[in-house]
Amino acid sequence: QVQLVQSGGGLVQAGGSLRLSCAASGRTFSRYLMGWFRQAPGKEREFVAAFNWSGSTIVYADSVKGRFTISRDNTKNTLYLQMNSLKPEDTAVYYCAGGVESYAYWGQGTQVTVSS
């Protein structure tokens, strides 16, 4: 069983930065598809950014391109999301997710609130 444990997040003013972390258990993290999603109040969960398992492909949602950076450290089994130039519309619960061919495993979620 794979567990994803998130940390980071919190309250920040518009224009500020936050970093989210997602620590994974298991020995095959380096082969996992890994990504970040978010869900704002009253809205459906949406894609933010993702790696393929080899790290050769990174995809970002248009809404975060140029502001957010996804990265991973396979030696620490940890996924990161660096969020810069945050906007109030980035306010949401953020989730990390991963799996071999699909997002089978999910973190517990962490709140990010951006004040104007």
N, C-alpha and C. Protein backbone atom coordinates (compact mmCIF):
# COMPACT_ATOMS: atom_id res chain seq x y z
N GLN A 1 0.84 -1.18 0.00
CA GLN A 1 0.00 0.00 0.00
C GLN A 1 0.88 1.25 0.00
N VAL A 2 0.59 2.16 -0.88
CA VAL A 2 1.34 3.40 -0.98
C VAL A 2 0.61 4.48 -0.22
N GLN A 3 1.36 5.23 0.55
CA GLN A 3 0.78 6.39 1.25
C GLN A 3 1.46 7.66 0.79
N LEU A 4 0.67 8.69 0.59
CA LEU A 4 1.18 10.01 0.22
C LEU A 4 0.82 10.97 1.35
N VAL A 5 1.83 11.57 1.96
CA VAL A 5 1.62 12.47 3.08
C VAL A 5 2.08 13.86 2.70
N GLN A 6 1.15 14.78 2.73
CA GLN A 6 1.43 16.15 2.30
C GLN A 6 1.81 17.05 3.47
N SER A 7 2.58 18.09 3.13
CA SER A 7 2.91 19.13 4.10
C SER A 7 3.07 20.44 3.34
N GLY A 8 3.08 21.52 4.10
CA GLY A 8 3.17 22.84 3.48
C GLY A 8 1.79 23.47 3.40
N GLY A 9 1.67 24.48 2.63
CA GLY A 9 0.41 25.20 2.50
C GLY A 9 0.26 26.24 3.58
N GLY A 10 -0.94 26.85 3.65
CA GLY A 10 -1.21 27.88 4.64
C GLY A 10 -1.80 29.12 4.03
N LEU A 11 -1.62 30.22 4.74
CA LEU A 11 -2.19 31.50 4.33
C LEU A 11 -1.07 32.42 3.86
N VAL A 12 -1.27 33.06 2.72
CA VAL A 12 -0.27 33.96 2.17
C VAL A 12 -0.98 35.10 1.45
N GLN A 13 -0.33 36.24 1.39
CA GLN A 13 -0.89 37.37 0.65
C GLN A 13 -0.66 37.20 -0.85
N ALA A 14 -1.49 37.82 -1.62
CA ALA A 14 -1.33 37.79 -3.08
C ALA A 14 0.08 38.26 -3.45
N GLY A 15 0.69 37.54 -4.39
CA GLY A 15 2.05 37.83 -4.79
C GLY A 15 3.09 37.03 -4.04
N GLY A 16 2.67 36.37 -3.00
CA GLY A 16 3.60 35.59 -2.18
C GLY A 16 3.85 34.21 -2.75
N SER A 17 4.61 33.42 -1.98
CA SER A 17 5.01 32.09 -2.41
C SER A 17 4.77 31.07 -1.32
N LEU A 18 4.54 29.85 -1.73
CA LEU A 18 4.42 28.71 -0.84
C LEU A 18 5.01 27.50 -1.54
N ARG A 19 5.45 26.52 -0.74
CA ARG A 19 5.89 25.26 -1.30
C ARG A 19 5.15 24.11 -0.63
N LEU A 20 4.63 23.24 -1.44
CA LEU A 20 3.97 22.04 -0.96
C LEU A 20 4.90 20.85 -1.16
N SER A 21 4.82 19.91 -0.23
CA SER A 21 5.59 18.67 -0.33
C SER A 21 4.66 17.49 -0.21
N CYS A 22 5.08 16.38 -0.81
CA CYS A 22 4.29 15.16 -0.79
C CYS A 22 5.26 13.99 -0.68
N ALA A 23 5.31 13.40 0.49
CA ALA A 23 6.23 12.29 0.75
C ALA A 23 5.53 10.97 0.51
N ALA A 24 6.16 10.11 -0.27
CA ALA A 24 5.55 8.84 -0.64
C ALA A 24 6.27 7.67 0.01
N SER A 25 5.49 6.70 0.44
CA SER A 25 6.06 5.44 0.92
C SER A 25 6.21 4.52 -0.27
N GLY A 26 6.89 3.42 -0.09
CA GLY A 26 7.02 2.47 -1.18
C GLY A 26 8.34 2.60 -1.90
N ARG A 27 8.70 1.54 -2.61
CA ARG A 27 10.00 1.50 -3.26
C ARG A 27 9.98 1.89 -4.72
N THR A 28 8.80 2.11 -5.29
CA THR A 28 8.73 2.36 -6.72
C THR A 28 8.35 3.78 -7.05
N PHE A 29 8.56 4.69 -6.12
CA PHE A 29 8.18 6.09 -6.34
C PHE A 29 8.79 6.63 -7.62
N SER A 30 10.03 6.25 -7.89
CA SER A 30 10.72 6.81 -9.05
C SER A 30 10.03 6.43 -10.35
N ARG A 31 9.21 5.38 -10.32
CA ARG A 31 8.52 4.95 -11.53
C ARG A 31 7.08 5.43 -11.59
N TYR A 32 6.68 6.23 -10.64
CA TYR A 32 5.30 6.66 -10.59
C TYR A 32 5.04 7.90 -11.42
N LEU A 33 3.90 7.92 -12.05
CA LEU A 33 3.30 9.15 -12.53
C LEU A 33 2.90 9.95 -11.29
N MET A 34 3.30 11.22 -11.20
CA MET A 34 3.00 12.02 -10.02
C MET A 34 2.46 13.38 -10.44
N GLY A 35 1.49 13.86 -9.69
CA GLY A 35 0.93 15.15 -10.05
C GLY A 35 0.29 15.87 -8.88
N TRP A 36 -0.12 17.09 -9.16
CA TRP A 36 -0.84 17.93 -8.20
C TRP A 36 -2.19 18.33 -8.79
N PHE A 37 -3.18 18.34 -7.93
CA PHE A 37 -4.52 18.77 -8.28
C PHE A 37 -4.99 19.74 -7.20
N ARG A 38 -6.08 20.45 -7.49
CA ARG A 38 -6.64 21.34 -6.48
C ARG A 38 -8.15 21.40 -6.63
N GLN A 39 -8.79 21.75 -5.52
CA GLN A 39 -10.24 21.89 -5.52
C GLN A 39 -10.62 23.12 -4.72
N ALA A 40 -11.20 24.09 -5.41
CA ALA A 40 -11.66 25.31 -4.77
C ALA A 40 -13.09 25.09 -4.26
N PRO A 41 -13.52 25.89 -3.29
CA PRO A 41 -14.87 25.74 -2.76
C PRO A 41 -15.93 25.84 -3.85
N GLY A 42 -16.81 24.87 -3.89
CA GLY A 42 -17.89 24.89 -4.85
C GLY A 42 -17.51 24.52 -6.27
N LYS A 43 -16.26 24.10 -6.45
CA LYS A 43 -15.79 23.73 -7.79
C LYS A 43 -15.29 22.30 -7.82
N GLU A 44 -15.17 21.77 -9.02
CA GLU A 44 -14.64 20.42 -9.17
C GLU A 44 -13.12 20.43 -9.05
N ARG A 45 -12.59 19.27 -8.71
CA ARG A 45 -11.15 19.14 -8.63
C ARG A 45 -10.55 19.35 -10.01
N GLU A 46 -9.43 20.08 -10.07
CA GLU A 46 -8.81 20.36 -11.35
C GLU A 46 -7.32 20.04 -11.32
N PHE A 47 -6.81 19.74 -12.49
CA PHE A 47 -5.40 19.42 -12.66
C PHE A 47 -4.56 20.68 -12.52
N VAL A 48 -3.39 20.53 -11.88
CA VAL A 48 -2.46 21.65 -11.74
C VAL A 48 -1.16 21.38 -12.51
N ALA A 49 -0.50 20.25 -12.20
CA ALA A 49 0.78 19.95 -12.84
C ALA A 49 1.09 18.48 -12.62
N ALA A 50 1.93 17.91 -13.51
CA ALA A 50 2.25 16.49 -13.38
C ALA A 50 3.54 16.15 -14.09
N PHE A 51 4.19 15.09 -13.58
CA PHE A 51 5.33 14.43 -14.20
C PHE A 51 4.87 13.10 -14.76
N ASN A 52 5.50 12.66 -15.83
CA ASN A 52 5.37 11.24 -16.13
C ASN A 52 6.39 10.50 -15.26
N TRP A 53 6.39 9.18 -15.32
CA TRP A 53 7.19 8.43 -14.35
C TRP A 53 8.69 8.66 -14.51
N SER A 54 9.15 8.90 -15.70
CA SER A 54 10.58 9.08 -15.92
C SER A 54 11.02 10.51 -15.66
N GLY A 55 10.03 11.41 -15.49
CA GLY A 55 10.37 12.81 -15.30
C GLY A 55 10.71 13.52 -16.59
N SER A 56 10.55 12.84 -17.71
CA SER A 56 10.92 13.45 -18.98
C SER A 56 9.85 14.38 -19.52
N THR A 57 8.65 14.26 -18.98
CA THR A 57 7.55 15.11 -19.45
C THR A 57 6.89 15.78 -18.27
N ILE A 58 6.73 17.08 -18.34
CA ILE A 58 6.04 17.85 -17.32
C ILE A 58 4.93 18.64 -18.00
N VAL A 59 3.79 18.63 -17.39
CA VAL A 59 2.63 19.34 -17.94
C VAL A 59 2.07 20.25 -16.86
N TYR A 60 1.70 21.47 -17.25
CA TYR A 60 1.09 22.43 -16.34
C TYR A 60 -0.26 22.87 -16.88
N ALA A 61 -1.16 23.17 -15.98
CA ALA A 61 -2.39 23.84 -16.36
C ALA A 61 -2.04 25.26 -16.82
N ASP A 62 -2.78 25.75 -17.79
CA ASP A 62 -2.50 27.10 -18.30
C ASP A 62 -2.56 28.14 -17.19
N SER A 63 -3.42 27.94 -16.22
CA SER A 63 -3.64 28.93 -15.17
C SER A 63 -2.44 29.08 -14.24
N VAL A 64 -1.51 28.11 -14.25
CA VAL A 64 -0.37 28.18 -13.34
C VAL A 64 0.97 28.25 -14.06
N LYS A 65 0.96 28.15 -15.37
CA LYS A 65 2.21 28.19 -16.13
C LYS A 65 2.98 29.46 -15.85
N GLY A 66 4.29 29.29 -15.63
CA GLY A 66 5.15 30.43 -15.37
C GLY A 66 5.15 30.87 -13.92
N ARG A 67 4.24 30.32 -13.11
CA ARG A 67 4.18 30.68 -11.68
C ARG A 67 4.47 29.49 -10.77
N PHE A 68 4.04 28.33 -11.17
CA PHE A 68 4.22 27.12 -10.36
C PHE A 68 5.29 26.24 -10.99
N THR A 69 6.02 25.53 -10.14
CA THR A 69 7.02 24.58 -10.61
C THR A 69 6.88 23.27 -9.86
N ILE A 70 6.69 22.20 -10.60
CA ILE A 70 6.63 20.87 -10.01
C ILE A 70 8.02 20.25 -10.09
N SER A 71 8.40 19.56 -9.04
CA SER A 71 9.69 18.87 -9.04
C SER A 71 9.59 17.63 -8.17
N ARG A 72 10.57 16.76 -8.31
CA ARG A 72 10.56 15.54 -7.52
C ARG A 72 11.99 15.17 -7.16
N ASP A 73 12.13 14.60 -5.99
CA ASP A 73 13.42 14.08 -5.53
C ASP A 73 13.22 12.60 -5.27
N ASN A 74 13.65 11.78 -6.21
CA ASN A 74 13.43 10.34 -6.09
C ASN A 74 14.25 9.72 -4.96
N THR A 75 15.33 10.37 -4.55
CA THR A 75 16.13 9.84 -3.43
C THR A 75 15.40 10.01 -2.11
N LYS A 76 14.48 10.98 -2.08
CA LYS A 76 13.70 11.23 -0.87
C LYS A 76 12.24 10.81 -1.03
N ASN A 77 11.91 10.24 -2.18
CA ASN A 77 10.52 9.84 -2.44
C ASN A 77 9.56 11.01 -2.20
N THR A 78 9.93 12.17 -2.67
CA THR A 78 9.14 13.36 -2.38
C THR A 78 8.87 14.17 -3.65
N LEU A 79 7.65 14.62 -3.73
CA LEU A 79 7.18 15.49 -4.81
C LEU A 79 6.98 16.88 -4.24
N TYR A 80 7.27 17.90 -5.03
CA TYR A 80 7.13 19.28 -4.57
C TYR A 80 6.30 20.10 -5.55
N LEU A 81 5.72 21.16 -5.02
CA LEU A 81 5.08 22.16 -5.87
C LEU A 81 5.46 23.52 -5.31
N GLN A 82 6.32 24.23 -6.04
CA GLN A 82 6.69 25.58 -5.68
C GLN A 82 5.71 26.53 -6.34
N MET A 83 5.05 27.34 -5.53
CA MET A 83 4.03 28.24 -6.03
C MET A 83 4.45 29.68 -5.78
N ASN A 84 4.67 30.41 -6.86
CA ASN A 84 5.08 31.81 -6.78
C ASN A 84 4.00 32.70 -7.37
N SER A 85 4.10 33.98 -7.08
CA SER A 85 3.14 34.97 -7.61
C SER A 85 1.70 34.50 -7.40
N LEU A 86 1.43 34.06 -6.20
CA LEU A 86 0.10 33.50 -5.91
C LEU A 86 -0.99 34.55 -6.04
N LYS A 87 -2.15 34.07 -6.49
CA LYS A 87 -3.32 34.92 -6.70
C LYS A 87 -4.46 34.41 -5.83
N PRO A 88 -5.42 35.28 -5.51
CA PRO A 88 -6.57 34.81 -4.71
C PRO A 88 -7.29 33.62 -5.36
N GLU A 89 -7.30 33.57 -6.67
CA GLU A 89 -7.96 32.46 -7.36
C GLU A 89 -7.21 31.14 -7.24
N ASP A 90 -6.01 31.18 -6.67
CA ASP A 90 -5.28 29.93 -6.39
C ASP A 90 -5.74 29.29 -5.08
N THR A 91 -6.59 29.97 -4.35
CA THR A 91 -7.10 29.43 -3.09
C THR A 91 -7.85 28.13 -3.34
N ALA A 92 -7.43 27.08 -2.65
CA ALA A 92 -8.02 25.76 -2.85
C ALA A 92 -7.38 24.77 -1.89
N VAL A 93 -7.96 23.58 -1.83
CA VAL A 93 -7.29 22.45 -1.20
C VAL A 93 -6.47 21.76 -2.29
N TYR A 94 -5.20 21.59 -2.02
CA TYR A 94 -4.29 20.99 -2.99
C TYR A 94 -4.02 19.53 -2.61
N TYR A 95 -4.02 18.68 -3.64
CA TYR A 95 -3.79 17.25 -3.44
C TYR A 95 -2.65 16.79 -4.33
N CYS A 96 -1.79 15.95 -3.77
CA CYS A 96 -0.85 15.24 -4.62
C CYS A 96 -1.45 13.88 -4.93
N ALA A 97 -1.04 13.33 -6.05
CA ALA A 97 -1.55 12.03 -6.47
C ALA A 97 -0.49 11.32 -7.27
N GLY A 98 -0.55 9.98 -7.25
CA GLY A 98 0.44 9.22 -8.00
C GLY A 98 0.00 7.80 -8.25
N GLY A 99 0.74 7.13 -9.10
CA GLY A 99 0.44 5.75 -9.41
C GLY A 99 1.28 5.29 -10.58
N VAL A 100 1.10 4.02 -10.91
CA VAL A 100 1.91 3.45 -11.97
C VAL A 100 1.40 3.90 -13.34
N GLU A 101 0.14 3.74 -13.59
CA GLU A 101 -0.43 4.15 -14.88
C GLU A 101 -1.58 5.14 -14.73
N SER A 102 -2.01 5.34 -13.51
CA SER A 102 -3.07 6.29 -13.23
C SER A 102 -2.89 6.82 -11.82
N TYR A 103 -3.70 7.80 -11.46
CA TYR A 103 -3.58 8.39 -10.12
C TYR A 103 -4.36 7.52 -9.13
N ALA A 104 -3.74 6.43 -8.74
CA ALA A 104 -4.41 5.49 -7.84
C ALA A 104 -4.31 5.91 -6.38
N TYR A 105 -3.31 6.70 -6.07
CA TYR A 105 -3.05 7.08 -4.68
C TYR A 105 -3.14 8.60 -4.53
N TRP A 106 -3.72 9.02 -3.41
CA TRP A 106 -3.94 10.45 -3.18
C TRP A 106 -3.47 10.85 -1.79
N GLY A 107 -2.94 12.06 -1.70
CA GLY A 107 -2.60 12.62 -0.41
C GLY A 107 -3.85 13.10 0.31
N GLN A 108 -3.64 13.56 1.54
CA GLN A 108 -4.79 13.94 2.37
C GLN A 108 -5.32 15.33 2.04
N GLY A 109 -4.58 16.09 1.27
CA GLY A 109 -5.00 17.45 0.92
C GLY A 109 -4.44 18.46 1.91
N THR A 110 -4.14 19.65 1.39
CA THR A 110 -3.65 20.72 2.23
C THR A 110 -4.24 22.04 1.74
N GLN A 111 -4.65 22.87 2.67
CA GLN A 111 -5.31 24.13 2.31
C GLN A 111 -4.29 25.20 1.95
N VAL A 112 -4.53 25.85 0.85
CA VAL A 112 -3.77 27.04 0.46
C VAL A 112 -4.77 28.19 0.33
N THR A 113 -4.53 29.25 1.07
CA THR A 113 -5.42 30.41 1.04
C THR A 113 -4.60 31.64 0.69
N VAL A 114 -5.02 32.33 -0.36
CA VAL A 114 -4.31 33.53 -0.82
C VAL A 114 -5.23 34.72 -0.61
N SER A 115 -4.80 35.65 0.22
CA SER A 115 -5.61 36.83 0.51
C SER A 115 -5.24 37.97 -0.43
N SER A 116 -6.23 38.79 -0.72
CA SER A 116 -6.01 39.90 -1.66
C SER A 116 -5.56 41.14 -0.92
